[in-house]
Amino acid sequence: MKSAAEKVKTRLKVKDEVIVIAGKNKKSRGEVLRIDREKKQVVVKGVNLRKRFARPTQENPKGGIVEIEMPIALSNVQYYDSKEKKPSRIAYGPDKSGAKTRLSTASGRKRTLD
């Protein structure tokens, strides 16, 4: 039986560009800011924005309404290959020197990501 705090494996990393493939923000792209492996959620820059009311602080003396990104389900995002201009899966394999690296599988041929 699975425990409640089981962490999910993902091949996405912080600062990867992703595209939303399901939900109300479908087809919007952004950079991964944070990944919560226990809750299976990801925060994407500029996606799923919510308005929050901020009290005046030293950093923000006026306070007011602030828009922040809220998490979305990890299953609703997919890596976006900016060179191929389409969503892609991420695979692991050897590069030209034989070292293990992440590969994009967007067009059938594998291409190094990093």
N, C-alpha and C. Protein backbone atom coordinates (compact mmCIF):
# COMPACT_ATOMS: atom_id res chain seq x y z
N MET A 1 0.83 -1.18 0.00
CA MET A 1 0.00 0.00 0.00
C MET A 1 0.88 1.24 0.00
N LYS A 2 0.49 2.24 -0.80
CA LYS A 2 1.28 3.45 -0.92
C LYS A 2 1.05 4.36 0.27
N SER A 3 2.13 5.00 0.72
CA SER A 3 2.00 5.95 1.83
C SER A 3 1.53 7.30 1.29
N ALA A 4 0.96 8.11 2.15
CA ALA A 4 0.41 9.40 1.74
C ALA A 4 1.49 10.38 1.30
N ALA A 5 2.68 10.25 1.86
CA ALA A 5 3.75 11.20 1.57
C ALA A 5 4.75 10.65 0.55
N GLU A 6 4.31 9.76 -0.32
CA GLU A 6 5.21 9.19 -1.31
C GLU A 6 5.54 10.23 -2.38
N LYS A 7 6.82 10.37 -2.68
CA LYS A 7 7.26 11.37 -3.66
C LYS A 7 7.17 10.77 -5.06
N VAL A 8 6.71 11.59 -6.00
CA VAL A 8 6.57 11.17 -7.38
C VAL A 8 7.87 11.50 -8.13
N LYS A 9 8.24 10.64 -9.05
CA LYS A 9 9.42 10.90 -9.87
C LYS A 9 9.00 11.71 -11.08
N THR A 10 9.82 12.67 -11.45
CA THR A 10 9.56 13.45 -12.66
C THR A 10 10.89 13.78 -13.32
N ARG A 11 10.86 13.92 -14.62
CA ARG A 11 12.07 14.26 -15.35
C ARG A 11 12.17 15.76 -15.60
N LEU A 12 11.19 16.50 -15.13
CA LEU A 12 11.24 17.95 -15.23
C LEU A 12 12.16 18.52 -14.16
N LYS A 13 12.75 19.66 -14.46
CA LYS A 13 13.60 20.36 -13.51
C LYS A 13 13.17 21.81 -13.42
N VAL A 14 13.56 22.47 -12.36
CA VAL A 14 13.31 23.89 -12.22
C VAL A 14 14.02 24.61 -13.36
N LYS A 15 13.40 25.64 -13.92
CA LYS A 15 13.87 26.45 -15.04
C LYS A 15 13.65 25.79 -16.40
N ASP A 16 13.00 24.61 -16.45
CA ASP A 16 12.60 24.02 -17.73
C ASP A 16 11.42 24.80 -18.27
N GLU A 17 11.33 24.91 -19.60
CA GLU A 17 10.15 25.52 -20.20
C GLU A 17 9.12 24.43 -20.44
N VAL A 18 7.90 24.64 -19.96
CA VAL A 18 6.84 23.65 -20.10
C VAL A 18 5.62 24.28 -20.75
N ILE A 19 4.73 23.42 -21.27
CA ILE A 19 3.47 23.85 -21.84
C ILE A 19 2.37 23.13 -21.08
N VAL A 20 1.28 23.84 -20.80
CA VAL A 20 0.14 23.24 -20.10
C VAL A 20 -0.68 22.47 -21.13
N ILE A 21 -0.95 21.19 -20.87
CA ILE A 21 -1.64 20.35 -21.85
C ILE A 21 -3.08 20.06 -21.47
N ALA A 22 -3.52 20.49 -20.28
CA ALA A 22 -4.90 20.26 -19.85
C ALA A 22 -5.31 21.33 -18.86
N GLY A 23 -6.62 21.58 -18.78
CA GLY A 23 -7.15 22.53 -17.82
C GLY A 23 -7.45 23.88 -18.46
N LYS A 24 -7.81 24.84 -17.61
CA LYS A 24 -8.22 26.14 -18.13
C LYS A 24 -7.06 26.96 -18.70
N ASN A 25 -5.84 26.63 -18.33
CA ASN A 25 -4.66 27.33 -18.85
C ASN A 25 -4.00 26.58 -19.99
N LYS A 26 -4.75 25.72 -20.67
CA LYS A 26 -4.22 24.89 -21.75
C LYS A 26 -3.54 25.74 -22.82
N LYS A 27 -2.43 25.26 -23.33
CA LYS A 27 -1.61 25.87 -24.38
C LYS A 27 -0.78 27.05 -23.91
N SER A 28 -0.80 27.38 -22.62
CA SER A 28 0.07 28.45 -22.14
C SER A 28 1.41 27.87 -21.73
N ARG A 29 2.47 28.64 -22.01
CA ARG A 29 3.82 28.17 -21.72
C ARG A 29 4.43 29.03 -20.63
N GLY A 30 5.41 28.45 -19.93
CA GLY A 30 6.11 29.19 -18.90
C GLY A 30 7.26 28.38 -18.34
N GLU A 31 8.01 29.01 -17.46
CA GLU A 31 9.18 28.39 -16.83
C GLU A 31 8.77 27.79 -15.49
N VAL A 32 9.30 26.61 -15.19
CA VAL A 32 9.01 25.95 -13.92
C VAL A 32 9.74 26.71 -12.81
N LEU A 33 8.98 27.17 -11.82
CA LEU A 33 9.56 27.89 -10.69
C LEU A 33 9.81 26.96 -9.50
N ARG A 34 8.89 26.01 -9.29
CA ARG A 34 8.99 25.12 -8.12
C ARG A 34 8.27 23.81 -8.43
N ILE A 35 8.80 22.71 -7.92
CA ILE A 35 8.17 21.39 -8.07
C ILE A 35 7.94 20.82 -6.68
N ASP A 36 6.69 20.44 -6.39
CA ASP A 36 6.34 19.79 -5.13
C ASP A 36 6.08 18.32 -5.43
N ARG A 37 7.06 17.48 -5.17
CA ARG A 37 6.98 16.06 -5.51
C ARG A 37 6.00 15.30 -4.61
N GLU A 38 5.80 15.77 -3.39
CA GLU A 38 4.87 15.08 -2.49
C GLU A 38 3.42 15.34 -2.87
N LYS A 39 3.10 16.56 -3.27
CA LYS A 39 1.73 16.89 -3.65
C LYS A 39 1.48 16.70 -5.15
N LYS A 40 2.53 16.34 -5.89
CA LYS A 40 2.46 16.13 -7.34
C LYS A 40 1.97 17.39 -8.05
N GLN A 41 2.58 18.52 -7.68
CA GLN A 41 2.20 19.80 -8.25
C GLN A 41 3.43 20.57 -8.71
N VAL A 42 3.21 21.50 -9.62
CA VAL A 42 4.29 22.32 -10.15
C VAL A 42 3.79 23.76 -10.27
N VAL A 43 4.67 24.73 -10.01
CA VAL A 43 4.34 26.14 -10.16
C VAL A 43 5.04 26.64 -11.41
N VAL A 44 4.26 27.20 -12.34
CA VAL A 44 4.78 27.66 -13.63
C VAL A 44 4.62 29.17 -13.70
N LYS A 45 5.66 29.86 -14.14
CA LYS A 45 5.67 31.32 -14.20
C LYS A 45 4.60 31.82 -15.19
N GLY A 46 3.72 32.69 -14.70
CA GLY A 46 2.69 33.30 -15.53
C GLY A 46 1.47 32.44 -15.79
N VAL A 47 1.37 31.28 -15.14
CA VAL A 47 0.25 30.36 -15.35
C VAL A 47 -0.50 30.18 -14.03
N ASN A 48 -1.83 30.09 -14.10
CA ASN A 48 -2.70 29.88 -12.94
C ASN A 48 -2.52 31.00 -11.91
N LEU A 49 -2.67 32.24 -12.36
CA LEU A 49 -2.49 33.40 -11.50
C LEU A 49 -3.72 33.62 -10.62
N ARG A 50 -3.48 33.98 -9.37
CA ARG A 50 -4.55 34.30 -8.42
C ARG A 50 -4.21 35.64 -7.78
N LYS A 51 -5.25 36.39 -7.43
CA LYS A 51 -5.05 37.67 -6.77
C LYS A 51 -5.09 37.47 -5.26
N ARG A 52 -4.10 38.02 -4.58
CA ARG A 52 -4.02 37.95 -3.14
C ARG A 52 -3.88 39.38 -2.61
N PHE A 53 -4.42 39.61 -1.41
CA PHE A 53 -4.37 40.93 -0.80
C PHE A 53 -3.19 40.97 0.16
N ALA A 54 -2.24 41.85 -0.12
CA ALA A 54 -1.01 41.93 0.67
C ALA A 54 -1.10 43.10 1.65
N ARG A 55 -0.71 42.80 2.87
CA ARG A 55 -0.63 43.87 3.87
C ARG A 55 0.61 44.72 3.59
N PRO A 56 0.59 45.96 4.02
CA PRO A 56 1.79 46.78 3.86
C PRO A 56 2.96 46.21 4.68
N THR A 57 4.10 46.08 4.05
CA THR A 57 5.32 45.62 4.71
C THR A 57 6.45 46.58 4.36
N GLN A 58 7.64 46.33 4.89
CA GLN A 58 8.77 47.19 4.57
C GLN A 58 9.16 47.04 3.10
N GLU A 59 9.02 45.82 2.54
CA GLU A 59 9.36 45.61 1.14
C GLU A 59 8.30 46.21 0.23
N ASN A 60 7.03 46.14 0.65
CA ASN A 60 5.90 46.63 -0.13
C ASN A 60 5.09 47.58 0.76
N PRO A 61 5.50 48.85 0.89
CA PRO A 61 4.86 49.74 1.85
C PRO A 61 3.40 50.07 1.53
N LYS A 62 3.00 49.97 0.27
CA LYS A 62 1.62 50.27 -0.07
C LYS A 62 0.69 49.09 0.17
N GLY A 63 1.21 47.88 0.06
CA GLY A 63 0.33 46.71 0.16
C GLY A 63 -0.49 46.60 -1.11
N GLY A 64 -1.74 46.17 -1.01
CA GLY A 64 -2.62 46.13 -2.17
C GLY A 64 -2.81 44.73 -2.72
N ILE A 65 -3.28 44.68 -3.95
CA ILE A 65 -3.58 43.41 -4.60
C ILE A 65 -2.35 42.93 -5.39
N VAL A 66 -1.96 41.68 -5.15
CA VAL A 66 -0.79 41.09 -5.78
C VAL A 66 -1.21 39.82 -6.50
N GLU A 67 -0.73 39.63 -7.74
CA GLU A 67 -1.01 38.39 -8.46
C GLU A 67 0.14 37.41 -8.23
N ILE A 68 -0.19 36.19 -7.80
CA ILE A 68 0.83 35.17 -7.59
C ILE A 68 0.45 33.91 -8.35
N GLU A 69 1.47 33.12 -8.69
CA GLU A 69 1.25 31.85 -9.37
C GLU A 69 0.87 30.78 -8.36
N MET A 70 -0.16 30.01 -8.67
CA MET A 70 -0.59 28.92 -7.83
C MET A 70 -0.19 27.61 -8.51
N PRO A 71 -0.01 26.54 -7.73
CA PRO A 71 0.42 25.28 -8.33
C PRO A 71 -0.67 24.62 -9.18
N ILE A 72 -0.23 23.85 -10.18
CA ILE A 72 -1.13 23.03 -10.98
C ILE A 72 -0.62 21.61 -10.95
N ALA A 73 -1.44 20.67 -11.36
CA ALA A 73 -1.07 19.26 -11.31
C ALA A 73 0.10 18.98 -12.24
N LEU A 74 1.02 18.17 -11.78
CA LEU A 74 2.20 17.82 -12.55
C LEU A 74 1.83 17.09 -13.85
N SER A 75 0.72 16.36 -13.82
CA SER A 75 0.29 15.62 -15.00
C SER A 75 -0.27 16.53 -16.09
N ASN A 76 -0.54 17.80 -15.77
CA ASN A 76 -1.10 18.73 -16.74
C ASN A 76 -0.04 19.54 -17.49
N VAL A 77 1.23 19.28 -17.25
CA VAL A 77 2.29 20.00 -17.96
C VAL A 77 3.20 19.00 -18.67
N GLN A 78 3.82 19.50 -19.74
CA GLN A 78 4.76 18.68 -20.49
C GLN A 78 5.92 19.58 -20.93
N TYR A 79 7.10 19.01 -21.00
CA TYR A 79 8.28 19.76 -21.43
C TYR A 79 8.04 20.33 -22.82
N TYR A 80 8.46 21.59 -23.05
CA TYR A 80 8.30 22.24 -24.35
C TYR A 80 9.68 22.40 -24.97
N ASP A 81 9.86 21.78 -26.13
CA ASP A 81 11.12 21.87 -26.86
C ASP A 81 11.10 23.13 -27.70
N SER A 82 11.85 24.16 -27.31
CA SER A 82 11.80 25.44 -27.99
C SER A 82 12.45 25.39 -29.37
N LYS A 83 13.36 24.45 -29.61
CA LYS A 83 13.97 24.35 -30.94
C LYS A 83 13.03 23.66 -31.92
N GLU A 84 12.28 22.67 -31.47
CA GLU A 84 11.32 21.98 -32.33
C GLU A 84 9.96 22.68 -32.33
N LYS A 85 9.74 23.61 -31.39
CA LYS A 85 8.48 24.35 -31.24
C LYS A 85 7.28 23.44 -30.99
N LYS A 86 7.49 22.40 -30.17
CA LYS A 86 6.37 21.53 -29.81
C LYS A 86 6.67 20.79 -28.50
N PRO A 87 5.61 20.26 -27.84
CA PRO A 87 5.83 19.51 -26.60
C PRO A 87 6.64 18.25 -26.86
N SER A 88 7.34 17.81 -25.84
CA SER A 88 8.22 16.66 -25.99
C SER A 88 8.30 15.87 -24.69
N ARG A 89 8.62 14.62 -24.82
CA ARG A 89 8.95 13.83 -23.64
C ARG A 89 10.44 13.94 -23.39
N ILE A 90 10.83 13.59 -22.19
CA ILE A 90 12.25 13.64 -21.82
C ILE A 90 12.73 12.22 -21.61
N ALA A 91 13.84 11.88 -22.26
CA ALA A 91 14.45 10.56 -22.10
C ALA A 91 15.86 10.75 -21.56
N TYR A 92 16.41 9.69 -21.01
CA TYR A 92 17.80 9.71 -20.56
C TYR A 92 18.59 8.75 -21.41
N GLY A 93 19.80 9.16 -21.77
CA GLY A 93 20.66 8.29 -22.57
C GLY A 93 22.04 8.89 -22.66
N PRO A 94 22.94 8.18 -23.33
CA PRO A 94 24.32 8.68 -23.45
C PRO A 94 24.41 9.78 -24.51
N ASP A 95 25.26 10.77 -24.23
CA ASP A 95 25.53 11.79 -25.25
C ASP A 95 26.74 11.34 -26.06
N LYS A 96 27.33 12.22 -26.84
CA LYS A 96 28.44 11.85 -27.73
C LYS A 96 29.67 11.37 -26.97
N SER A 97 29.86 11.90 -25.76
CA SER A 97 31.02 11.49 -24.96
C SER A 97 30.74 10.25 -24.11
N GLY A 98 29.47 9.79 -24.09
CA GLY A 98 29.12 8.61 -23.32
C GLY A 98 28.54 8.89 -21.95
N ALA A 99 28.47 10.16 -21.57
CA ALA A 99 27.92 10.53 -20.27
C ALA A 99 26.38 10.53 -20.33
N LYS A 100 25.74 10.19 -19.21
CA LYS A 100 24.28 10.17 -19.14
C LYS A 100 23.75 11.60 -19.17
N THR A 101 22.78 11.87 -20.04
CA THR A 101 22.22 13.20 -20.18
C THR A 101 20.74 13.13 -20.54
N ARG A 102 20.04 14.25 -20.38
CA ARG A 102 18.62 14.31 -20.75
C ARG A 102 18.50 14.56 -22.24
N LEU A 103 17.53 13.88 -22.86
CA LEU A 103 17.33 13.98 -24.30
C LEU A 103 15.89 14.33 -24.59
N SER A 104 15.68 15.14 -25.62
CA SER A 104 14.34 15.49 -26.08
C SER A 104 13.94 14.52 -27.19
N THR A 105 12.69 14.04 -27.15
CA THR A 105 12.23 13.08 -28.16
C THR A 105 11.14 13.69 -29.04
N ALA A 106 11.18 14.98 -29.28
CA ALA A 106 10.10 15.69 -29.97
C ALA A 106 9.88 15.22 -31.40
N SER A 107 10.90 15.06 -32.17
CA SER A 107 10.72 14.79 -33.59
C SER A 107 11.11 13.36 -33.97
N GLY A 108 11.20 12.48 -33.01
CA GLY A 108 11.60 11.11 -33.31
C GLY A 108 13.09 10.90 -33.10
N ARG A 109 13.88 11.91 -33.39
CA ARG A 109 15.32 11.77 -33.13
C ARG A 109 15.62 12.41 -31.77
N LYS A 110 16.59 11.89 -31.09
CA LYS A 110 16.89 12.38 -29.75
C LYS A 110 17.91 13.50 -29.83
N ARG A 111 17.69 14.55 -29.04
CA ARG A 111 18.54 15.73 -29.03
C ARG A 111 18.85 16.10 -27.58
N THR A 112 20.10 16.42 -27.29
CA THR A 112 20.51 16.77 -25.94
C THR A 112 19.87 18.07 -25.49
N LEU A 113 19.35 18.10 -24.24
CA LEU A 113 18.67 19.28 -23.71
C LEU A 113 19.62 20.26 -23.06
N ASP A 114 20.48 19.78 -22.20
CA ASP A 114 21.32 20.68 -21.39
C ASP A 114 22.47 21.20 -22.11
